[in-house]
C-alpha atoms as a PDB file:
ATOM      1  CA  MET A   1     -28.429 -24.585  30.969  1.00  0.00           C
ATOM      2  CA  LYS A   2     -31.053 -23.064  28.681  1.00  0.00           C
ATOM      3  CA  LYS A   3     -30.082 -19.535  29.757  1.00  0.00           C
ATOM      4  CA  ILE A   4     -26.409 -20.258  29.061  1.00  0.00           C
ATOM      5  CA  LEU A   5     -27.274 -21.565  25.596  1.00  0.00           C
ATOM      6  CA  ILE A   6     -29.363 -18.469  24.819  1.00  0.00           C
ATOM      7  CA  LEU A   7     -26.537 -16.206  26.025  1.00  0.00           C
ATOM      8  CA  PHE A   8     -24.011 -18.115  23.891  1.00  0.00           C
ATOM      9  CA  LEU A   9     -26.219 -17.847  20.791  1.00  0.00           C
ATOM     10  CA  SER A  10     -26.728 -14.123  21.441  1.00  0.00           C
ATOM     11  CA  ILE A  11     -22.967 -13.505  21.669  1.00  0.00           C
ATOM     12  CA  ALA A  12     -22.311 -15.595  18.559  1.00  0.00           C
ATOM     13  CA  PHE A  13     -24.967 -13.645  16.638  1.00  0.00           C
ATOM     14  CA  SER A  14     -23.454 -10.333  17.752  1.00  0.00           C
ATOM     15  CA  ILE A  15     -19.966 -11.401  16.639  1.00  0.00           C
ATOM     16  CA  THR A  16     -21.270 -12.643  13.283  1.00  0.00           C
ATOM     17  CA  THR A  17     -23.261  -9.446  12.722  1.00  0.00           C
ATOM     18  CA  TYR A  18     -20.231  -7.284  13.541  1.00  0.00           C
ATOM     19  CA  ALA A  19     -18.014  -9.299  11.215  1.00  0.00           C
ATOM     20  CA  GLN A  20     -20.496  -8.852   8.394  1.00  0.00           C
ATOM     21  CA  THR A  21     -21.072  -5.142   8.911  1.00  0.00           C
ATOM     22  CA  ALA A  22     -17.583  -4.028   9.959  1.00  0.00           C
ATOM     23  CA  PRO A  23     -16.038  -2.472   6.832  1.00  0.00           C
ATOM     24  CA  ASN A  24     -12.995  -4.144   5.329  1.00  0.00           C
ATOM     25  CA  LEU A  25     -10.694  -1.286   4.395  1.00  0.00           C
ATOM     26  CA  THR A  26      -8.446  -3.361   2.142  1.00  0.00           C
ATOM     27  CA  GLY A  27      -8.430  -1.843  -1.319  1.00  0.00           C
ATOM     28  CA  VAL A  28      -7.805   1.289  -3.357  1.00  0.00           C
ATOM     29  CA  TYR A  29      -9.740   4.535  -2.865  1.00  0.00           C
ATOM     30  CA  HIS A  30      -9.697   7.571  -5.165  1.00  0.00           C
ATOM     31  CA  ALA A  31     -10.850  11.151  -4.684  1.00  0.00           C
ATOM     32  CA  LYS A  32     -10.527  14.362  -6.698  1.00  0.00           C
ATOM     33  CA  ASN A  33      -9.448  17.495  -4.852  1.00  0.00           C
ATOM     34  CA  ASN A  34      -9.329  20.728  -6.885  1.00  0.00           C
ATOM     35  CA  GLY A  35      -8.195  18.789  -9.913  1.00  0.00           C
ATOM     36  CA  ASN A  36      -5.638  16.720  -8.010  1.00  0.00           C
ATOM     37  CA  HIS A  37      -5.785  12.944  -7.704  1.00  0.00           C
ATOM     38  CA  GLU A  38      -5.858  11.608  -4.151  1.00  0.00           C
ATOM     39  CA  LEU A  39      -5.193   7.880  -3.738  1.00  0.00           C
ATOM     40  CA  LEU A  40      -5.428   5.735  -0.623  1.00  0.00           C
ATOM     41  CA  LEU A  41      -3.952   2.228  -0.732  1.00  0.00           C
ATOM     42  CA  VAL A  42      -4.712  -0.166   2.136  1.00  0.00           C
ATOM     43  CA  ILE A  43      -3.348  -3.708   2.362  1.00  0.00           C
ATOM     44  CA  ASP A  44      -2.378  -5.974   5.269  1.00  0.00           C
ATOM     45  CA  GLY A  45      -3.183  -3.260   7.806  1.00  0.00           C
ATOM     46  CA  TYR A  46      -0.868  -0.731   6.147  1.00  0.00           C
ATOM     47  CA  SER A  47      -1.812   2.473   4.320  1.00  0.00           C
ATOM     48  CA  SER A  48      -0.441   5.059   1.960  1.00  0.00           C
ATOM     49  CA  PHE A  49      -1.992   8.361   0.908  1.00  0.00           C
ATOM     50  CA  ILE A  50      -0.699   9.781  -2.400  1.00  0.00           C
ATOM     51  CA  SER A  51      -1.416  13.128  -4.043  1.00  0.00           C
ATOM     52  CA  TYR A  52      -0.517  13.875  -7.680  1.00  0.00           C
ATOM     53  CA  LYS A  53      -1.802  15.579 -10.824  1.00  0.00           C
ATOM     54  CA  ASP A  54      -1.167  14.413 -14.373  1.00  0.00           C
ATOM     55  CA  LYS A  55       2.660  14.286 -14.500  1.00  0.00           C
ATOM     56  CA  GLU A  56       3.210  16.233 -11.280  1.00  0.00           C
ATOM     57  CA  TYR A  57       3.874  14.402  -8.016  1.00  0.00           C
ATOM     58  CA  PHE A  58       2.971  16.183  -4.756  1.00  0.00           C
ATOM     59  CA  ASN A  59       3.375  14.013  -1.683  1.00  0.00           C
ATOM     60  CA  THR A  60       2.774  10.736   0.120  1.00  0.00           C
ATOM     61  CA  TRP A  61       2.380   9.677   3.751  1.00  0.00           C
ATOM     62  CA  GLY A  62       1.108   6.700   5.696  1.00  0.00           C
ATOM     63  CA  GLY A  63       1.795   3.714   7.924  1.00  0.00           C
ATOM     64  CA  PRO A  64      -0.114   1.064   9.894  1.00  0.00           C
ATOM     65  CA  ILE A  65      -3.849   1.779   9.868  1.00  0.00           C
ATOM     66  CA  LEU A  66      -6.975   0.667  11.688  1.00  0.00           C
ATOM     67  CA  LEU A  67     -10.591   1.758  11.841  1.00  0.00           C
ATOM     68  CA  ALA A  68     -11.919   2.510  15.316  1.00  0.00           C
ATOM     69  CA  ASN A  69     -14.627   4.793  16.704  1.00  0.00           C
ATOM     70  CA  ASN A  70     -15.483   6.075  13.217  1.00  0.00           C
ATOM     71  CA  GLN A  71     -11.899   7.169  12.704  1.00  0.00           C
ATOM     72  CA  LEU A  72      -9.035   6.119  10.505  1.00  0.00           C
ATOM     73  CA  GLN A  73      -6.125   5.856  12.919  1.00  0.00           C
ATOM     74  CA  ILE A  74      -2.740   5.918  11.184  1.00  0.00           C
ATOM     75  CA  GLN A  75       0.604   5.420  12.936  1.00  0.00           C
ATOM     76  CA  VAL A  76       2.710   7.574  10.622  1.00  0.00           C
ATOM     77  CA  GLU A  77       5.910   5.896   9.354  1.00  0.00           C
ATOM     78  CA  PHE A  78       6.606   8.286   6.481  1.00  0.00           C
ATOM     79  CA  ASN A  79       5.638  11.761   5.317  1.00  0.00           C
ATOM     80  CA  ASP A  80       7.745  13.404   2.616  1.00  0.00           C
ATOM     81  CA  LYS A  81       6.296  16.881   3.212  1.00  0.00           C
ATOM     82  CA  ASP A  82       6.360  16.975   7.002  1.00  0.00           C
ATOM     83  CA  LYS A  83       8.847  14.569   8.591  1.00  0.00           C
ATOM     84  CA  GLU A  84       7.883  15.791  12.070  1.00  0.00           C
ATOM     85  CA  LYS A  85       4.613  13.869  11.673  1.00  0.00           C
ATOM     86  CA  VAL A  86       6.584  10.605  11.555  1.00  0.00           C
ATOM     87  CA  GLY A  87       6.054   8.674  14.801  1.00  0.00           C
ATOM     88  CA  GLN A  88       2.755  10.386  15.527  1.00  0.00           C
ATOM     89  CA  GLN A  89      -0.702   8.888  15.361  1.00  0.00           C
ATOM     90  CA  VAL A  90      -3.135  10.722  13.106  1.00  0.00           C
ATOM     91  CA  ALA A  91      -6.873  10.258  13.561  1.00  0.00           C
ATOM     92  CA  ILE A  92      -9.185  11.137  10.654  1.00  0.00           C
ATOM     93  CA  PRO A  93     -12.945  11.177  11.350  1.00  0.00           C
ATOM     94  CA  ILE A  94     -14.808   9.338   8.590  1.00  0.00           C
ATOM     95  CA  GLU A  95     -18.200   8.152   7.455  1.00  0.00           C
ATOM     96  CA  MET A  96     -18.654   4.955   5.477  1.00  0.00           C
ATOM     97  CA  ASP A  97     -20.942   5.381   2.466  1.00  0.00           C
ATOM     98  CA  GLY A  98     -21.347   1.806   1.350  1.00  0.00           C
ATOM     99  CA  LYS A  99     -17.803   0.844   0.337  1.00  0.00           C
ATOM    100  CA  ASN A 100     -16.749   4.475  -0.051  1.00  0.00           C
ATOM    101  CA  ILE A 101     -15.144   6.710   2.574  1.00  0.00           C
ATOM    102  CA  LYS A 102     -16.182  10.273   3.353  1.00  0.00           C
ATOM    103  CA  ALA A 103     -13.392  12.241   5.037  1.00  0.00           C
ATOM    104  CA  ASN A 104     -11.953  15.761   4.961  1.00  0.00           C
ATOM    105  CA  ASN A 105     -14.888  16.971   2.804  1.00  0.00           C
ATOM    106  CA  LEU A 106     -13.973  14.425   0.124  1.00  0.00           C
ATOM    107  CA  THR A 107     -15.592  11.198  -1.004  1.00  0.00           C
ATOM    108  CA  TRP A 108     -13.019   8.474  -1.534  1.00  0.00           C
ATOM    109  CA  VAL A 109     -14.519   6.056  -4.037  1.00  0.00           C
ATOM    110  CA  LYS A 110     -13.468   2.437  -3.637  1.00  0.00           C
ATOM    111  CA  GLN A 111     -12.021   1.131  -6.886  1.00  0.00           C
ATOM    112  CA  ALA A 112     -12.956  -2.223  -8.398  1.00  0.00           C
ATOM    113  CA  ASN A 113     -11.577  -5.365  -6.784  1.00  0.00           C
ATOM    114  CA  LYS A 114      -8.774  -6.767  -8.953  1.00  0.00           C
ATOM    115  CA  LYS A 115      -7.136  -9.227  -6.596  1.00  0.00           C
ATOM    116  CA  GLN A 116      -3.945 -10.865  -7.858  1.00  0.00           C
ATOM    117  CA  ASP A 117      -1.522 -13.374  -6.350  1.00  0.00           C
ATOM    118  CA  LEU A 118       1.032 -10.674  -5.526  1.00  0.00           C
ATOM    119  CA  ASP A 119      -1.360  -8.486  -3.543  1.00  0.00           C
ATOM    120  CA  GLY A 120       0.097  -7.655  -0.146  1.00  0.00           C
ATOM    121  CA  LEU A 121       2.672  -5.614   1.746  1.00  0.00           C
ATOM    122  CA  TRP A 122       6.213  -6.556   0.722  1.00  0.00           C
ATOM    123  CA  ARG A 123       9.725  -5.643   1.833  1.00  0.00           C
ATOM    124  CA  ILE A 124      12.897  -6.102  -0.191  1.00  0.00           C
ATOM    125  CA  THR A 125      15.125  -8.702   1.488  1.00  0.00           C
ATOM    126  CA  GLY A 126      17.587  -9.692  -1.237  1.00  0.00           C
ATOM    127  CA  ARG A 127      19.361  -8.240  -4.259  1.00  0.00           C
ATOM    128  CA  ASP A 128      21.785  -9.526  -6.884  1.00  0.00           C
ATOM    129  CA  GLN A 129      25.209  -7.891  -6.713  1.00  0.00           C
ATOM    130  CA  ASN A 130      27.773  -9.018  -9.285  1.00  0.00           C
ATOM    131  CA  GLY A 131      26.107 -12.378  -9.772  1.00  0.00           C
ATOM    132  CA  THR A 132      25.561 -13.121  -6.093  1.00  0.00           C
ATOM    133  CA  VAL A 133      22.244 -12.601  -4.334  1.00  0.00           C
ATOM    134  CA  SER A 134      22.954 -10.803  -1.061  1.00  0.00           C
ATOM    135  CA  THR A 135      20.529 -10.809   1.847  1.00  0.00           C
ATOM    136  CA  ILE A 136      19.325  -7.400   3.013  1.00  0.00           C
ATOM    137  CA  GLN A 137      19.107  -7.560   6.788  1.00  0.00           C
ATOM    138  CA  ARG A 138      15.976  -6.153   8.356  1.00  0.00           C
ATOM    139  CA  GLY A 139      16.660  -2.831  10.041  1.00  0.00           C
ATOM    140  CA  ASP A 140      15.248   0.655  10.447  1.00  0.00           C
ATOM    141  CA  ARG A 141      15.797   1.555   6.810  1.00  0.00           C
ATOM    142  CA  LYS A 142      13.561  -0.358   4.427  1.00  0.00           C
ATOM    143  CA  THR A 143      12.032  -0.367   0.994  1.00  0.00           C
ATOM    144  CA  ILE A 144       8.459  -1.599   1.012  1.00  0.00           C
ATOM    145  CA  LYS A 145       5.939  -2.174  -1.735  1.00  0.00           C
ATOM    146  CA  LEU A 146       2.151  -2.136  -1.506  1.00  0.00           C
ATOM    147  CA  LEU A 147       0.275  -4.162  -4.115  1.00  0.00           C
ATOM    148  CA  VAL A 148      -3.514  -4.137  -4.031  1.00  0.00           C
ATOM    149  CA  ASP A 149      -6.320  -4.358  -6.585  1.00  0.00           C
ATOM    150  CA  GLY A 150      -4.151  -3.566  -9.588  1.00  0.00           C
ATOM    151  CA  TYR A 151      -2.230  -0.686  -7.988  1.00  0.00           C
ATOM    152  CA  PHE A 152       1.326  -0.607  -6.632  1.00  0.00           C
ATOM    153  CA  GLN A 153       3.583   1.761  -4.739  1.00  0.00           C
ATOM    154  CA  TRP A 154       7.176   1.354  -3.564  1.00  0.00           C
ATOM    155  CA  ILE A 155       8.479   3.538  -0.741  1.00  0.00           C
ATOM    156  CA  ALA A 156      12.053   3.843   0.596  1.00  0.00           C
ATOM    157  CA  ILE A 157      12.020   5.048   4.208  1.00  0.00           C
ATOM    158  CA  ASN A 158      13.647   4.980   7.637  1.00  0.00           C
ATOM    159  CA  PRO A 159      10.974   5.676  10.275  1.00  0.00           C
ATOM    160  CA  ALA A 160      13.533   5.705  13.110  1.00  0.00           C
ATOM    161  CA  GLU A 161      15.306   8.666  11.518  1.00  0.00           C
ATOM    162  CA  LYS A 162      12.211  10.135   9.862  1.00  0.00           C
ATOM    163  CA  GLY A 163      13.958   9.530   6.558  1.00  0.00           C
ATOM    164  CA  PHE A 164      12.264   9.449   3.168  1.00  0.00           C
ATOM    165  CA  TYR A 165      14.252   8.498   0.064  1.00  0.00           C
ATOM    166  CA  GLY A 166      11.751   8.191  -2.765  1.00  0.00           C
ATOM    167  CA  THR A 167       8.563   6.614  -4.041  1.00  0.00           C
ATOM    168  CA  GLY A 168       6.815   5.655  -7.233  1.00  0.00           C
ATOM    169  CA  GLY A 169       3.689   3.845  -8.213  1.00  0.00           C
ATOM    170  CA  GLY A 170       0.859   3.228 -10.592  1.00  0.00           C
ATOM    171  CA  THR A 171      -1.011   0.212 -11.897  1.00  0.00           C
ATOM    172  CA  TYR A 172       0.192  -3.356 -12.288  1.00  0.00           C
ATOM    173  CA  LYS A 173      -0.732  -6.758 -13.696  1.00  0.00           C
ATOM    174  CA  PHE A 174       0.697 -10.146 -12.792  1.00  0.00           C
ATOM    175  CA  SER A 175       0.025 -13.218 -14.930  1.00  0.00           C
ATOM    176  CA  ASN A 176       1.963 -16.052 -16.546  1.00  0.00           C
ATOM    177  CA  SER A 177       5.130 -15.139 -14.601  1.00  0.00           C
ATOM    178  CA  THR A 178       5.076 -11.597 -16.020  1.00  0.00           C
ATOM    179  CA  TYR A 179       4.826  -8.581 -13.764  1.00  0.00           C
ATOM    180  CA  ALA A 180       4.011  -5.351 -15.644  1.00  0.00           C
ATOM    181  CA  GLU A 181       3.813  -1.795 -14.303  1.00  0.00           C
ATOM    182  CA  THR A 182       2.501   1.486 -15.669  1.00  0.00           C
ATOM    183  CA  ILE A 183       3.889   4.457 -13.755  1.00  0.00           C
ATOM    184  CA  ILE A 184       1.429   7.195 -12.776  1.00  0.00           C
ATOM    185  CA  PHE A 185       3.568   9.021 -10.196  1.00  0.00           C
ATOM    186  CA  PHE A 186       7.290   9.116  -9.394  1.00  0.00           C
ATOM    187  CA  SER A 187       8.829  11.422  -6.790  1.00  0.00           C
ATOM    188  CA  ARG A 188      12.280  11.404  -8.372  1.00  0.00           C
ATOM    189  CA  ASP A 189      11.435  12.047 -12.020  1.00  0.00           C
ATOM    190  CA  ASN A 190       8.060  13.207 -13.316  1.00  0.00           C
ATOM    191  CA  SER A 191       9.166  12.463 -16.875  1.00  0.00           C
ATOM    192  CA  ARG A 192       8.868   8.729 -16.123  1.00  0.00           C
ATOM    193  CA  VAL A 193       5.081   9.007 -15.756  1.00  0.00           C
ATOM    194  CA  GLY A 194       3.367   6.878 -18.398  1.00  0.00           C
ATOM    195  CA  ALA A 195       6.294   4.487 -18.772  1.00  0.00           C
ATOM    196  CA  GLU A 196       5.412   0.802 -18.999  1.00  0.00           C
ATOM    197  CA  LEU A 197       7.849  -1.732 -17.573  1.00  0.00           C
ATOM    198  CA  ALA A 198       7.725  -5.517 -17.755  1.00  0.00           C
ATOM    199  CA  PHE A 199       9.568  -7.925 -15.470  1.00  0.00           C
ATOM    200  CA  LYS A 200       9.752 -11.601 -14.721  1.00  0.00           C
ATOM    201  CA  GLY A 201       7.917 -12.433 -11.530  1.00  0.00           C
ATOM    202  CA  GLU A 202       7.777 -15.679  -9.607  1.00  0.00           C
ATOM    203  CA  LEU A 203       6.611 -16.758  -6.170  1.00  0.00           C
ATOM    204  CA  LYS A 204       9.014 -19.232  -4.551  1.00  0.00           C
ATOM    205  CA  ASP A 205       8.449 -20.461  -0.996  1.00  0.00           C
ATOM    206  CA  GLY A 206       6.389 -17.380  -0.219  1.00  0.00           C
ATOM    207  CA  GLN A 207       8.971 -14.958  -1.605  1.00  0.00           C
ATOM    208  CA  TRP A 208       8.619 -12.835  -4.721  1.00  0.00           C
ATOM    209  CA  HIS A 209      11.536 -13.093  -7.155  1.00  0.00           C
ATOM    210  CA  HIS A 210      11.576 -10.004  -9.359  1.00  0.00           C
ATOM    211  CA  SER A 211      13.929  -9.587 -12.324  1.00  0.00           C
ATOM    212  CA  GLY A 212      14.328  -7.481 -15.453  1.00  0.00           C
ATOM    213  CA  LYS A 213      15.482  -3.911 -16.025  1.00  0.00           C
ATOM    214  CA  SER A 214      14.922  -0.863 -13.850  1.00  0.00           C
ATOM    215  CA  SER A 215      13.341   2.390 -15.031  1.00  0.00           C
ATOM    216  CA  LYS A 216      16.897   3.490 -15.927  1.00  0.00           C
ATOM    217  CA  GLY A 217      17.520   0.345 -17.973  1.00  0.00           C
ATOM    218  CA  ASP A 218      19.834  -1.312 -15.445  1.00  0.00           C
ATOM    219  CA  PRO A 219      19.467  -5.075 -14.887  1.00  0.00           C
ATOM    220  CA  ILE A 220      17.937  -6.034 -11.546  1.00  0.00           C
ATOM    221  CA  TYR A 221      17.219  -9.186  -9.580  1.00  0.00           C
ATOM    222  CA  GLU A 222      15.415  -8.687  -6.306  1.00  0.00           C
ATOM    223  CA  ILE A 223      13.804 -10.854  -3.651  1.00  0.00           C
ATOM    224  CA  TRP A 224      10.834  -9.510  -1.733  1.00  0.00           C
ATOM    225  CA  SER A 225       9.301 -11.007   1.421  1.00  0.00           C
ATOM    226  CA  ARG A 226       5.990 -10.357   3.132  1.00  0.00           C
ATOM    227  CA  GLU A 227       6.378  -7.567   5.663  1.00  0.00           C
END
């Protein structure tokens, strides 16, 4: 009985130690590469890599992510520069330097934690059309939105067809039912960089109700659900 107890305590200690030392990738990481900004967003086991410079957008790619055997393993769901990578698994050898990531001869510095109630991986599931909110059925094509530590990115994709239809992102704040964005990259229109947009935001029964005006000034009412 004593040996069993010792073995149980040893296993419990090992699990606790692993849980404390295993890095939690959730967050925002930033690196500079020859003057370009490189961002990595990770939330709810999903990732997005973004490359841009000032008002010039370059590319984005990503998908479900996990850390195993000192590698970032990404199941690619989108890549706007090389669609043939979609469906493949990419493994990136890394070293953890405290909270930072060293990979591809770059140091990705973890940005400050700025957790907000909207942080998570979202998918649009409803939209107002002529005064009626229509449900968007889940299918291969989807528009998702990553919100983590004060950063956001929306991505319109169809992994089954290796389709990519646009992305944009930047920083965000959510308080007192106001959701505000500042755009720092936009694949469709670089001139929108720097724009600040404010919307009404409300969580109802686990869904995010988002309303206001789009970047083009058109009225919108959207419902987003956790992916």
